[in-house]
Every structure is written in C-alpha cells, then in structure tokens.
Amino acid sequence: MNSKTLVLIALISFLFILPSDAQVKIKKFCTLTYYGQDLRTPHIDYGQTRKYSPLKDSIFVHKLNQVEYMSNFVQVMNYITELGWHYEGNISTNQANSTEIKILFSRDFFPAELTEGK
C-alpha cells in the first residue's frame, strides 16, 4: 500500500470515531404528585401547559397522561418506569390537613423527540 491510501484510511477511520451530535441525549424531568393520604389521585407534570408539550410524540404523551387515571400507586410506578422514566427521588410536604408527595423521574431524549430540541 502506498502512503496516500494509508492516509485516506486513517482519515476515514478518524471520522467514524468523532462524536456525533445526533447521539447526544437531553435529560428531561417529570414529577408525579399525590395529594392527600390515600395515594389514589396522581397528577403528572412533564413541563406541559394547555397549549404546549415539550414532547413531539403524541402517542407517548397520551401514554404518559394515562397515569392520572390509575388509582393503584404501585401500578403507576411500574407503568411510568416501563415508559423509560427513572426514579430520582421524592419530596413529602405536610400542611395543616393535607399531605403532598412529589416523586421525581428523569428520562433521556434525543433532540428530535423534543419540540424545543434542547
């Protein structure tokens, strides 16, 4: 082999080693909130508003919103982890006659899966 061929092979190999922006994932968070003592009425917050969803996939959003119709705490935890969310921790607050538990989850997304891409 001549030196030009070796240099060409080395350059091509180097291009495959360079990190690609397409492989970079973005960590997003969501909270699952329970109000009261019974742990039967969850509310999910993944950064959405009435007119805005940070997630592009409407089927995934629909699946995520299904947790608000589940009344079994363990079922909700199993379901949300099956959707790829990872438990990060929880915060419990007690007020006069109510308790609020927020459970924090995270998930890595590709930029193409997000509406803002960041």
PDB file of N, CA and C in Angstrom:
ATOM      1  N   MET A   1       0.838  -1.179   0.000  1.00  0.00           N
ATOM      2  CA  MET A   1       0.000   0.000   0.000  1.00  0.00           C
ATOM      3  C   MET A   1       0.879   1.237   0.000  1.00  0.00           C
ATOM      4  N   ASN A   2       0.405   2.231  -0.703  1.00  0.00           N
ATOM      5  CA  ASN A   2       1.182   3.467  -0.705  1.00  0.00           C
ATOM      6  C   ASN A   2       0.719   4.382   0.425  1.00  0.00           C
ATOM      7  N   SER A   3       1.430   5.440   0.666  1.00  0.00           N
ATOM      8  CA  SER A   3       1.159   6.326   1.800  1.00  0.00           C
ATOM      9  C   SER A   3      -0.167   7.082   1.636  1.00  0.00           C
ATOM     10  N   LYS A   4      -0.556   7.393   0.401  1.00  0.00           N
ATOM     11  CA  LYS A   4      -1.825   8.090   0.188  1.00  0.00           C
ATOM     12  C   LYS A   4      -3.007   7.235   0.631  1.00  0.00           C
ATOM     13  N   THR A   5      -2.957   5.954   0.337  1.00  0.00           N
ATOM     14  CA  THR A   5      -4.024   5.051   0.728  1.00  0.00           C
ATOM     15  C   THR A   5      -4.102   4.930   2.247  1.00  0.00           C
ATOM     16  N   LEU A   6      -2.945   4.832   2.890  1.00  0.00           N
ATOM     17  CA  LEU A   6      -2.923   4.736   4.348  1.00  0.00           C
ATOM     18  C   LEU A   6      -3.485   5.996   5.011  1.00  0.00           C
ATOM     19  N   VAL A   7      -3.144   7.171   4.460  1.00  0.00           N
ATOM     20  CA  VAL A   7      -3.649   8.429   4.999  1.00  0.00           C
ATOM     21  C   VAL A   7      -5.165   8.501   4.814  1.00  0.00           C
ATOM     22  N   LEU A   8      -5.655   8.067   3.657  1.00  0.00           N
ATOM     23  CA  LEU A   8      -7.092   8.071   3.394  1.00  0.00           C
ATOM     24  C   LEU A   8      -7.831   7.142   4.360  1.00  0.00           C
ATOM     25  N   ILE A   9      -7.298   5.959   4.589  1.00  0.00           N
ATOM     26  CA  ILE A   9      -7.912   5.015   5.533  1.00  0.00           C
ATOM     27  C   ILE A   9      -7.903   5.599   6.943  1.00  0.00           C
ATOM     28  N   ALA A  10      -6.814   6.235   7.331  1.00  0.00           N
ATOM     29  CA  ALA A  10      -6.723   6.842   8.661  1.00  0.00           C
ATOM     30  C   ALA A  10      -7.738   7.973   8.816  1.00  0.00           C
ATOM     31  N   LEU A  11      -7.910   8.798   7.781  1.00  0.00           N
ATOM     32  CA  LEU A  11      -8.884   9.890   7.857  1.00  0.00           C
ATOM     33  C   LEU A  11     -10.321   9.371   7.964  1.00  0.00           C
ATOM     34  N   ILE A  12     -10.627   8.372   7.192  1.00  0.00           N
ATOM     35  CA  ILE A  12     -11.977   7.799   7.239  1.00  0.00           C
ATOM     36  C   ILE A  12     -12.238   7.176   8.606  1.00  0.00           C
ATOM     37  N   SER A  13     -11.263   6.465   9.140  1.00  0.00           N
ATOM     38  CA  SER A  13     -11.399   5.871  10.469  1.00  0.00           C
ATOM     39  C   SER A  13     -11.598   6.950  11.526  1.00  0.00           C
ATOM     40  N   PHE A  14     -10.874   8.057  11.408  1.00  0.00           N
ATOM     41  CA  PHE A  14     -10.977   9.150  12.358  1.00  0.00           C
ATOM     42  C   PHE A  14     -12.370   9.777  12.333  1.00  0.00           C
ATOM     43  N   LEU A  15     -12.962   9.879  11.160  1.00  0.00           N
ATOM     44  CA  LEU A  15     -14.305  10.450  11.052  1.00  0.00           C
ATOM     45  C   LEU A  15     -15.353   9.609  11.776  1.00  0.00           C
ATOM     46  N   PHE A  16     -15.177   8.293  11.780  1.00  0.00           N
ATOM     47  CA  PHE A  16     -16.117   7.430  12.488  1.00  0.00           C
ATOM     48  C   PHE A  16     -15.937   7.496  13.996  1.00  0.00           C
ATOM     49  N   ILE A  17     -14.779   7.897  14.456  1.00  0.00           N
ATOM     50  CA  ILE A  17     -14.501   7.983  15.881  1.00  0.00           C
ATOM     51  C   ILE A  17     -15.033   9.280  16.481  1.00  0.00           C
ATOM     52  N   LEU A  18     -15.119  10.353  15.693  1.00  0.00           N
ATOM     53  CA  LEU A  18     -15.589  11.637  16.197  1.00  0.00           C
ATOM     54  C   LEU A  18     -16.998  11.506  16.769  1.00  0.00           C
ATOM     55  N   PRO A  19     -17.257  12.139  17.899  1.00  0.00           N
ATOM     56  CA  PRO A  19     -18.623  12.077  18.438  1.00  0.00           C
ATOM     57  C   PRO A  19     -19.597  12.816  17.533  1.00  0.00           C
ATOM     58  N   SER A  20     -20.773  12.269  17.445  1.00  0.00           N
ATOM     59  CA  SER A  20     -21.805  12.863  16.606  1.00  0.00           C
ATOM     60  C   SER A  20     -22.826  13.573  17.480  1.00  0.00           C
ATOM     61  N   ASP A  21     -23.294  14.736  17.045  1.00  0.00           N
ATOM     62  CA  ASP A  21     -24.331  15.454  17.774  1.00  0.00           C
ATOM     63  C   ASP A  21     -25.633  14.676  17.810  1.00  0.00           C
ATOM     64  N   ALA A  22     -25.837  13.802  16.838  1.00  0.00           N
ATOM     65  CA  ALA A  22     -27.075  13.036  16.785  1.00  0.00           C
ATOM     66  C   ALA A  22     -27.160  12.039  17.942  1.00  0.00           C
ATOM     67  N   GLN A  23     -26.040  11.687  18.541  1.00  0.00           N
ATOM     68  CA  GLN A  23     -26.025  10.728  19.630  1.00  0.00           C
ATOM     69  C   GLN A  23     -26.189  11.376  21.001  1.00  0.00           C
ATOM     70  N   VAL A  24     -26.132  12.691  21.070  1.00  0.00           N
ATOM     71  CA  VAL A  24     -26.248  13.391  22.340  1.00  0.00           C
ATOM     72  C   VAL A  24     -27.704  13.374  22.791  1.00  0.00           C
ATOM     73  N   LYS A  25     -27.918  12.953  24.023  1.00  0.00           N
ATOM     74  CA  LYS A  25     -29.267  12.924  24.569  1.00  0.00           C
ATOM     75  C   LYS A  25     -29.430  14.043  25.584  1.00  0.00           C
ATOM     76  N   ILE A  26     -30.675  14.429  25.790  1.00  0.00           N
ATOM     77  CA  ILE A  26     -31.009  15.507  26.706  1.00  0.00           C
ATOM     78  C   ILE A  26     -31.851  14.925  27.828  1.00  0.00           C
ATOM     79  N   LYS A  27     -31.454  15.199  29.068  1.00  0.00           N
ATOM     80  CA  LYS A  27     -32.201  14.690  30.219  1.00  0.00           C
ATOM     81  C   LYS A  27     -33.348  15.645  30.532  1.00  0.00           C
ATOM     82  N   LYS A  28     -34.540  15.079  30.621  1.00  0.00           N
ATOM     83  CA  LYS A  28     -35.734  15.828  31.000  1.00  0.00           C
ATOM     84  C   LYS A  28     -36.325  15.188  32.259  1.00  0.00           C
ATOM     85  N   PHE A  29     -37.076  15.975  32.989  1.00  0.00           N
ATOM     86  CA  PHE A  29     -37.636  15.531  34.252  1.00  0.00           C
ATOM     87  C   PHE A  29     -39.157  15.610  34.236  1.00  0.00           C
ATOM     88  N   CYS A  30     -39.775  14.814  35.078  1.00  0.00           N
ATOM     89  CA  CYS A  30     -41.208  14.932  35.314  1.00  0.00           C
ATOM     90  C   CYS A  30     -41.460  14.636  36.787  1.00  0.00           C
ATOM     91  N   THR A  31     -42.574  15.150  37.276  1.00  0.00           N
ATOM     92  CA  THR A  31     -42.971  14.850  38.649  1.00  0.00           C
ATOM     93  C   THR A  31     -44.332  14.178  38.643  1.00  0.00           C
ATOM     94  N   LEU A  32     -44.480  13.270  39.546  1.00  0.00           N
ATOM     95  CA  LEU A  32     -45.738  12.608  39.799  1.00  0.00           C
ATOM     96  C   LEU A  32     -46.158  13.065  41.187  1.00  0.00           C
ATOM     97  N   THR A  33     -47.281  13.762  41.283  1.00  0.00           N
ATOM     98  CA  THR A  33     -47.706  14.345  42.547  1.00  0.00           C
ATOM     99  C   THR A  33     -48.968  13.660  43.049  1.00  0.00           C
ATOM    100  N   TYR A  34     -48.936  13.324  44.323  1.00  0.00           N
ATOM    101  CA  TYR A  34     -50.102  12.778  45.011  1.00  0.00           C
ATOM    102  C   TYR A  34     -50.519  13.759  46.093  1.00  0.00           C
ATOM    103  N   TYR A  35     -51.801  14.030  46.160  1.00  0.00           N
ATOM    104  CA  TYR A  35     -52.356  14.903  47.187  1.00  0.00           C
ATOM    105  C   TYR A  35     -53.180  14.055  48.141  1.00  0.00           C
ATOM    106  N   GLY A  36     -53.035  14.276  49.417  1.00  0.00           N
ATOM    107  CA  GLY A  36     -53.825  13.541  50.396  1.00  0.00           C
ATOM    108  C   GLY A  36     -53.121  12.285  50.857  1.00  0.00           C
ATOM    109  N   GLN A  37     -53.771  11.549  51.716  1.00  0.00           N
ATOM    110  CA  GLN A  37     -53.174  10.372  52.347  1.00  0.00           C
ATOM    111  C   GLN A  37     -53.344   9.086  51.550  1.00  0.00           C
ATOM    112  N   ASP A  38     -54.290   9.029  50.641  1.00  0.00           N
ATOM    113  CA  ASP A  38     -54.641   7.741  50.041  1.00  0.00           C
ATOM    114  C   ASP A  38     -53.775   7.313  48.856  1.00  0.00           C
ATOM    115  N   LEU A  39     -52.982   8.191  48.282  1.00  0.00           N
ATOM    116  CA  LEU A  39     -52.147   7.874  47.113  1.00  0.00           C
ATOM    117  C   LEU A  39     -52.980   7.297  45.968  1.00  0.00           C
ATOM    118  N   ARG A  40     -54.144   7.887  45.729  1.00  0.00           N
ATOM    119  CA  ARG A  40     -55.029   7.386  44.672  1.00  0.00           C
ATOM    120  C   ARG A  40     -55.276   8.406  43.563  1.00  0.00           C
ATOM    121  N   THR A  41     -54.822   9.623  43.715  1.00  0.00           N
ATOM    122  CA  THR A  41     -55.116  10.649  42.706  1.00  0.00           C
ATOM    123  C   THR A  41     -53.822  11.295  42.219  1.00  0.00           C
ATOM    124  N   PRO A  42     -53.108  10.640  41.305  1.00  0.00           N
ATOM    125  CA  PRO A  42     -51.842  11.206  40.830  1.00  0.00           C
ATOM    126  C   PRO A  42     -52.046  12.318  39.809  1.00  0.00           C
ATOM    127  N   HIS A  43     -51.093  13.210  39.781  1.00  0.00           N
ATOM    128  CA  HIS A  43     -51.042  14.266  38.758  1.00  0.00           C
ATOM    129  C   HIS A  43     -49.635  14.246  38.179  1.00  0.00           C
ATOM    130  N   ILE A  44     -49.517  14.265  36.849  1.00  0.00           N
ATOM    131  CA  ILE A  44     -48.207  14.229  36.200  1.00  0.00           C
ATOM    132  C   ILE A  44     -47.879  15.592  35.616  1.00  0.00           C
ATOM    133  N   ASP A  45     -46.628  16.007  35.787  1.00  0.00           N
ATOM    134  CA  ASP A  45     -46.146  17.265  35.232  1.00  0.00           C
ATOM    135  C   ASP A  45     -44.814  16.991  34.540  1.00  0.00           C
ATOM    136  N   TYR A  46     -44.807  17.100  33.212  1.00  0.00           N
ATOM    137  CA  TYR A  46     -43.584  16.909  32.439  1.00  0.00           C
ATOM    138  C   TYR A  46     -43.221  18.193  31.692  1.00  0.00           C
ATOM    139  N   GLY A  47     -43.663  19.317  32.218  1.00  0.00           N
ATOM    140  CA  GLY A  47     -43.353  20.610  31.614  1.00  0.00           C
ATOM    141  C   GLY A  47     -44.403  21.090  30.640  1.00  0.00           C
ATOM    142  N   GLN A  48     -45.534  20.435  30.608  1.00  0.00           N
ATOM    143  CA  GLN A  48     -46.595  20.764  29.658  1.00  0.00           C
ATOM    144  C   GLN A  48     -47.437  21.933  30.163  1.00  0.00           C
ATOM    145  N   THR A  49     -48.022  22.625  29.238  1.00  0.00           N
ATOM    146  CA  THR A  49     -49.057  23.603  29.559  1.00  0.00           C
ATOM    147  C   THR A  49     -50.259  23.245  28.707  1.00  0.00           C
ATOM    148  N   ARG A  50     -51.288  24.039  28.769  1.00  0.00           N
ATOM    149  CA  ARG A  50     -52.500  23.751  27.997  1.00  0.00           C
ATOM    150  C   ARG A  50     -52.227  23.680  26.487  1.00  0.00           C
ATOM    151  N   LYS A  51     -51.365  24.552  25.994  1.00  0.00           N
ATOM    152  CA  LYS A  51     -51.115  24.622  24.548  1.00  0.00           C
ATOM    153  C   LYS A  51     -49.729  24.123  24.157  1.00  0.00           C
ATOM    154  N   TYR A  52     -48.956  23.634  25.111  1.00  0.00           N
ATOM    155  CA  TYR A  52     -47.562  23.292  24.823  1.00  0.00           C
ATOM    156  C   TYR A  52     -47.213  21.949  25.440  1.00  0.00           C
ATOM    157  N   SER A  53     -46.560  21.115  24.665  1.00  0.00           N
ATOM    158  CA  SER A  53     -45.983  19.881  25.171  1.00  0.00           C
ATOM    159  C   SER A  53     -44.527  19.845  24.737  1.00  0.00           C
ATOM    160  N   PRO A  54     -43.610  19.580  25.652  1.00  0.00           N
ATOM    161  CA  PRO A  54     -42.203  19.508  25.262  1.00  0.00           C
ATOM    162  C   PRO A  54     -41.858  18.250  24.468  1.00  0.00           C
ATOM    163  N   LEU A  55     -42.803  17.312  24.381  1.00  0.00           N
ATOM    164  CA  LEU A  55     -42.574  16.053  23.679  1.00  0.00           C
ATOM    165  C   LEU A  55     -43.332  16.040  22.360  1.00  0.00           C
ATOM    166  N   LYS A  56     -42.667  15.610  21.300  1.00  0.00           N
ATOM    167  CA  LYS A  56     -43.294  15.595  19.972  1.00  0.00           C
ATOM    168  C   LYS A  56     -44.264  14.440  19.775  1.00  0.00           C
ATOM    169  N   ASP A  57     -43.949  13.287  20.324  1.00  0.00           N
ATOM    170  CA  ASP A  57     -44.720  12.075  20.070  1.00  0.00           C
ATOM    171  C   ASP A  57     -46.040  12.105  20.838  1.00  0.00           C
ATOM    172  N   SER A  58     -47.140  12.333  20.138  1.00  0.00           N
ATOM    173  CA  SER A  58     -48.440  12.448  20.803  1.00  0.00           C
ATOM    174  C   SER A  58     -48.891  11.123  21.410  1.00  0.00           C
ATOM    175  N   ILE A  59     -48.459  10.006  20.858  1.00  0.00           N
ATOM    176  CA  ILE A  59     -48.813   8.710  21.429  1.00  0.00           C
ATOM    177  C   ILE A  59     -48.110   8.530  22.773  1.00  0.00           C
ATOM    178  N   PHE A  60     -46.830   8.930  22.839  1.00  0.00           N
ATOM    179  CA  PHE A  60     -46.089   8.853  24.104  1.00  0.00           C
ATOM    180  C   PHE A  60     -46.718   9.775  25.144  1.00  0.00           C
ATOM    181  N   VAL A  61     -47.129  10.966  24.739  1.00  0.00           N
ATOM    182  CA  VAL A  61     -47.781  11.913  25.641  1.00  0.00           C
ATOM    183  C   VAL A  61     -49.096  11.313  26.151  1.00  0.00           C
ATOM    184  N   HIS A  62     -49.857  10.700  25.272  1.00  0.00           N
ATOM    185  CA  HIS A  62     -51.113  10.065  25.677  1.00  0.00           C
ATOM    186  C   HIS A  62     -50.850   8.966  26.712  1.00  0.00           C
ATOM    187  N   LYS A  63     -49.829   8.148  26.460  1.00  0.00           N
ATOM    188  CA  LYS A  63     -49.484   7.082  27.407  1.00  0.00           C
ATOM    189  C   LYS A  63     -49.060   7.673  28.745  1.00  0.00           C
ATOM    190  N   LEU A  64     -48.296   8.739  28.707  1.00  0.00           N
ATOM    191  CA  LEU A  64     -47.830   9.383  29.931  1.00  0.00           C
ATOM    192  C   LEU A  64     -48.991   9.953  30.735  1.00  0.00           C
ATOM    193  N   ASN A  65     -49.950  10.537  30.048  1.00  0.00           N
ATOM    194  CA  ASN A  65     -51.110  11.110  30.730  1.00  0.00           C
ATOM    195  C   ASN A  65     -52.040  10.049  31.322  1.00  0.00           C
ATOM    196  N   GLN A  66     -51.901   8.804  30.892  1.00  0.00           N
ATOM    197  CA  GLN A  66     -52.755   7.729  31.418  1.00  0.00           C
ATOM    198  C   GLN A  66     -52.539   7.486  32.910  1.00  0.00           C
ATOM    199  N   VAL A  67     -51.387   7.904  33.453  1.00  0.00           N
ATOM    200  CA  VAL A  67     -51.150   7.674  34.883  1.00  0.00           C
ATOM    201  C   VAL A  67     -52.172   8.407  35.744  1.00  0.00           C
ATOM    202  N   GLU A  68     -52.747   9.489  35.242  1.00  0.00           N
ATOM    203  CA  GLU A  68     -53.727  10.242  36.026  1.00  0.00           C
ATOM    204  C   GLU A  68     -55.044   9.490  36.190  1.00  0.00           C
ATOM    205  N   TYR A  69     -55.242   8.430  35.423  1.00  0.00           N
ATOM    206  CA  TYR A  69     -56.458   7.626  35.523  1.00  0.00           C
ATOM    207  C   TYR A  69     -56.235   6.332  36.302  1.00  0.00           C
ATOM    208  N   MET A  70     -55.031   6.134  36.805  1.00  0.00           N
ATOM    209  CA  MET A  70     -54.711   4.930  37.574  1.00  0.00           C
ATOM    210  C   MET A  70     -54.844   5.241  39.058  1.00  0.00           C
ATOM    211  N   SER A  71     -55.383   4.300  39.801  1.00  0.00           N
ATOM    212  CA  SER A  71     -55.586   4.549  41.231  1.00  0.00           C
ATOM    213  C   SER A  71     -54.653   3.739  42.122  1.00  0.00           C
ATOM    214  N   ASN A  72     -53.905   2.810  41.555  1.00  0.00           N
ATOM    215  CA  ASN A  72     -53.004   1.978  42.332  1.00  0.00           C
ATOM    216  C   ASN A  72     -51.586   2.539  42.244  1.00  0.00           C
ATOM    217  N   PHE A  73     -51.017   2.890  43.384  1.00  0.00           N
ATOM    218  CA  PHE A  73     -49.700   3.523  43.435  1.00  0.00           C
ATOM    219  C   PHE A  73     -48.617   2.660  42.781  1.00  0.00           C
ATOM    220  N   VAL A  74     -48.584   1.399  43.106  1.00  0.00           N
ATOM    221  CA  VAL A  74     -47.559   0.506  42.553  1.00  0.00           C
ATOM    222  C   VAL A  74     -47.745   0.355  41.048  1.00  0.00           C
ATOM    223  N   GLN A  75     -48.985   0.273  40.598  1.00  0.00           N
ATOM    224  CA  GLN A  75     -49.264   0.191  39.162  1.00  0.00           C
ATOM    225  C   GLN A  75     -48.730   1.426  38.437  1.00  0.00           C
ATOM    226  N   VAL A  76     -48.932   2.594  39.030  1.00  0.00           N
ATOM    227  CA  VAL A  76     -48.438   3.838  38.430  1.00  0.00           C
ATOM    228  C   VAL A  76     -46.914   3.831  38.360  1.00  0.00           C
ATOM    229  N   MET A  77     -46.261   3.440  39.444  1.00  0.00           N
ATOM    230  CA  MET A  77     -44.788   3.413  39.462  1.00  0.00           C
ATOM    231  C   MET A  77     -44.253   2.419  38.423  1.00  0.00           C
ATOM    232  N   ASN A  78     -44.855   1.255  38.338  1.00  0.00           N
ATOM    233  CA  ASN A  78     -44.423   0.270  37.340  1.00  0.00           C
ATOM    234  C   ASN A  78     -44.647   0.788  35.922  1.00  0.00           C
ATOM    235  N   TYR A  79     -45.787   1.382  35.693  1.00  0.00           N
ATOM    236  CA  TYR A  79     -46.141   1.879  34.364  1.00  0.00           C
ATOM    237  C   TYR A  79     -45.191   2.978  33.905  1.00  0.00           C
ATOM    238  N   ILE A  80     -44.913   3.937  34.773  1.00  0.00           N
ATOM    239  CA  ILE A  80     -44.070   5.063  34.359  1.00  0.00           C
ATOM    240  C   ILE A  80     -42.621   4.611  34.119  1.00  0.00           C
ATOM    241  N   THR A  81     -42.160   3.617  34.874  1.00  0.00           N
ATOM    242  CA  THR A  81     -40.812   3.103  34.605  1.00  0.00           C
ATOM    243  C   THR A  81     -40.783   2.273  33.321  1.00  0.00           C
ATOM    244  N   GLU A  82     -41.904   1.616  32.978  1.00  0.00           N
ATOM    245  CA  GLU A  82     -41.982   0.902  31.704  1.00  0.00           C
ATOM    246  C   GLU A  82     -41.905   1.871  30.520  1.00  0.00           C
ATOM    247  N   LEU A  83     -42.313   3.121  30.734  1.00  0.00           N
ATOM    248  CA  LEU A  83     -42.220   4.141  29.683  1.00  0.00           C
ATOM    249  C   LEU A  83     -40.809   4.717  29.560  1.00  0.00           C
ATOM    250  N   GLY A  84     -39.892   4.232  30.382  1.00  0.00           N
ATOM    251  CA  GLY A  84     -38.492   4.642  30.275  1.00  0.00           C
ATOM    252  C   GLY A  84     -38.059   5.708  31.258  1.00  0.00           C
ATOM    253  N   TRP A  85     -38.914   6.089  32.186  1.00  0.00           N
ATOM    254  CA  TRP A  85     -38.558   7.091  33.188  1.00  0.00           C
ATOM    255  C   TRP A  85     -37.846   6.401  34.346  1.00  0.00           C
ATOM    256  N   HIS A  86     -36.892   7.115  34.939  1.00  0.00           N
ATOM    257  CA  HIS A  86     -36.089   6.587  36.039  1.00  0.00           C
ATOM    258  C   HIS A  86     -36.370   7.378  37.317  1.00  0.00           C
ATOM    259  N   TYR A  87     -36.584   6.668  38.406  1.00  0.00           N
ATOM    260  CA  TYR A  87     -36.854   7.285  39.697  1.00  0.00           C
ATOM    261  C   TYR A  87     -35.629   8.069  40.158  1.00  0.00           C
ATOM    262  N   GLU A  88     -35.833   9.314  40.569  1.00  0.00           N
ATOM    263  CA  GLU A  88     -34.745  10.169  41.057  1.00  0.00           C
ATOM    264  C   GLU A  88     -34.864  10.467  42.544  1.00  0.00           C
ATOM    265  N   GLY A  89     -36.074  10.503  43.073  1.00  0.00           N
ATOM    266  CA  GLY A  89     -36.270  10.814  44.487  1.00  0.00           C
ATOM    267  C   GLY A  89     -37.675  11.336  44.716  1.00  0.00           C
ATOM    268  N   ASN A  90     -37.962  11.649  45.979  1.00  0.00           N
ATOM    269  CA  ASN A  90     -39.282  12.187  46.279  1.00  0.00           C
ATOM    270  C   ASN A  90     -39.200  13.205  47.409  1.00  0.00           C
ATOM    271  N   ILE A  91     -40.220  14.046  47.456  1.00  0.00           N
ATOM    272  CA  ILE A  91     -40.338  15.088  48.474  1.00  0.00           C
ATOM    273  C   ILE A  91     -41.737  14.983  49.052  1.00  0.00           C
ATOM    274  N   SER A  92     -41.820  15.009  50.361  1.00  0.00           N
ATOM    275  CA  SER A  92     -43.115  14.969  51.022  1.00  0.00           C
ATOM    276  C   SER A  92     -43.284  16.251  51.829  1.00  0.00           C
ATOM    277  N   THR A  93     -44.446  16.896  51.697  1.00  0.00           N
ATOM    278  CA  THR A  93     -44.731  18.097  52.479  1.00  0.00           C
ATOM    279  C   THR A  93     -46.044  17.897  53.227  1.00  0.00           C
ATOM    280  N   ASN A  94     -46.059  18.315  54.464  1.00  0.00           N
ATOM    281  CA  ASN A  94     -47.262  18.227  55.287  1.00  0.00           C
ATOM    282  C   ASN A  94     -47.728  19.630  55.617  1.00  0.00           C
ATOM    283  N   GLN A  95     -49.000  19.875  55.351  1.00  0.00           N
ATOM    284  CA  GLN A  95     -49.600  21.140  55.730  1.00  0.00           C
ATOM    285  C   GLN A  95     -50.708  20.860  56.731  1.00  0.00           C
ATOM    286  N   ALA A  96     -51.474  21.840  57.082  1.00  0.00           N
ATOM    287  CA  ALA A  96     -52.477  21.724  58.147  1.00  0.00           C
ATOM    288  C   ALA A  96     -53.268  20.419  58.087  1.00  0.00           C
ATOM    289  N   ASN A  97     -53.991  20.177  57.019  1.00  0.00           N
ATOM    290  CA  ASN A  97     -54.767  18.943  56.922  1.00  0.00           C
ATOM    291  C   ASN A  97     -54.593  18.263  55.576  1.00  0.00           C
ATOM    292  N   SER A  98     -53.434  18.424  54.964  1.00  0.00           N
ATOM    293  CA  SER A  98     -53.199  17.733  53.700  1.00  0.00           C
ATOM    294  C   SER A  98     -51.720  17.372  53.562  1.00  0.00           C
ATOM    295  N   THR A  99     -51.493  16.339  52.820  1.00  0.00           N
ATOM    296  CA  THR A  99     -50.138  15.879  52.533  1.00  0.00           C
ATOM    297  C   THR A  99     -49.947  15.894  51.025  1.00  0.00           C
ATOM    298  N   GLU A 100     -48.749  16.273  50.606  1.00  0.00           N
ATOM    299  CA  GLU A 100     -48.421  16.274  49.179  1.00  0.00           C
ATOM    300  C   GLU A 100     -47.109  15.521  49.008  1.00  0.00           C
ATOM    301  N   ILE A 101     -47.108  14.546  48.103  1.00  0.00           N
ATOM    302  CA  ILE A 101     -45.902  13.783  47.796  1.00  0.00           C
ATOM    303  C   ILE A 101     -45.573  14.001  46.334  1.00  0.00           C
ATOM    304  N   LYS A 102     -44.355  14.476  46.068  1.00  0.00           N
ATOM    305  CA  LYS A 102     -43.873  14.650  44.693  1.00  0.00           C
ATOM    306  C   LYS A 102     -42.765  13.636  44.454  1.00  0.00           C
ATOM    307  N   ILE A 103     -42.924  12.873  43.384  1.00  0.00           N
ATOM    308  CA  ILE A 103     -41.941  11.863  43.017  1.00  0.00           C
ATOM    309  C   ILE A 103     -41.288  12.331  41.719  1.00  0.00           C
ATOM    310  N   LEU A 104     -39.975  12.438  41.737  1.00  0.00           N
ATOM    311  CA  LEU A 104     -39.222  12.957  40.597  1.00  0.00           C
ATOM    312  C   LEU A 104     -38.679  11.813  39.745  1.00  0.00           C
ATOM    313  N   PHE A 105     -38.896  11.929  38.433  1.00  0.00           N
ATOM    314  CA  PHE A 105     -38.384  10.970  37.458  1.00  0.00           C
ATOM    315  C   PHE A 105     -37.577  11.720  36.408  1.00  0.00           C
ATOM    316  N   SER A 106     -36.659  11.008  35.757  1.00  0.00           N
ATOM    317  CA  SER A 106     -35.916  11.593  34.639  1.00  0.00           C
ATOM    318  C   SER A 106     -35.893  10.594  33.492  1.00  0.00           C
ATOM    319  N   ARG A 107     -35.652  11.135  32.309  1.00  0.00           N
ATOM    320  CA  ARG A 107     -35.561  10.302  31.102  1.00  0.00           C
ATOM    321  C   ARG A 107     -34.702  11.035  30.094  1.00  0.00           C
ATOM    322  N   ASP A 108     -33.877  10.290  29.366  1.00  0.00           N
ATOM    323  CA  ASP A 108     -33.045  10.871  28.310  1.00  0.00           C
ATOM    324  C   ASP A 108     -33.788  10.802  26.990  1.00  0.00           C
ATOM    325  N   PHE A 109     -33.766  11.929  26.275  1.00  0.00           N
ATOM    326  CA  PHE A 109     -34.420  12.031  24.975  1.00  0.00           C
ATOM    327  C   PHE A 109     -33.405  12.470  23.924  1.00  0.00           C
ATOM    328  N   PHE A 110     -33.608  12.043  22.699  1.00  0.00           N
ATOM    329  CA  PHE A 110     -32.873  12.611  21.581  1.00  0.00           C
ATOM    330  C   PHE A 110     -33.496  13.963  21.263  1.00  0.00           C
ATOM    331  N   PRO A 111     -32.703  14.934  20.798  1.00  0.00           N
ATOM    332  CA  PRO A 111     -33.262  16.258  20.469  1.00  0.00           C
ATOM    333  C   PRO A 111     -34.449  16.193  19.509  1.00  0.00           C
ATOM    334  N   ALA A 112     -34.450  15.239  18.600  1.00  0.00           N
ATOM    335  CA  ALA A 112     -35.540  15.124  17.627  1.00  0.00           C
ATOM    336  C   ALA A 112     -36.863  14.730  18.285  1.00  0.00           C
ATOM    337  N   GLU A 113     -36.821  14.186  19.492  1.00  0.00           N
ATOM    338  CA  GLU A 113     -38.036  13.784  20.194  1.00  0.00           C
ATOM    339  C   GLU A 113     -38.690  14.928  20.951  1.00  0.00           C
ATOM    340  N   LEU A 114     -37.992  16.057  21.031  1.00  0.00           N
ATOM    341  CA  LEU A 114     -38.473  17.204  21.809  1.00  0.00           C
ATOM    342  C   LEU A 114     -38.902  18.341  20.892  1.00  0.00           C
ATOM    343  N   THR A 115     -39.899  19.085  21.318  1.00  0.00           N
ATOM    344  CA  THR A 115     -40.374  20.194  20.492  1.00  0.00           C
ATOM    345  C   THR A 115     -39.386  21.351  20.469  1.00  0.00           C
ATOM    346  N   GLU A 116     -38.677  21.581  21.582  1.00  0.00           N
ATOM    347  CA  GLU A 116     -37.718  22.675  21.602  1.00  0.00           C
ATOM    348  C   GLU A 116     -36.325  22.225  21.227  1.00  0.00           C
ATOM    349  N   GLY A 117     -36.060  20.920  21.250  1.00  0.00           N
ATOM    350  CA  GLY A 117     -34.756  20.387  20.857  1.00  0.00           C
ATOM    351  C   GLY A 117     -33.628  20.730  21.810  1.00  0.00           C
ATOM    352  N   LYS A 118     -33.942  21.175  23.014  1.00  0.00           N
ATOM    353  CA  LYS A 118     -32.891  21.498  23.981  1.00  0.00           C
ATOM    354  C   LYS A 118     -33.164  20.804  25.284  1.00  0.00           C
TER     355      LYS A 118
END
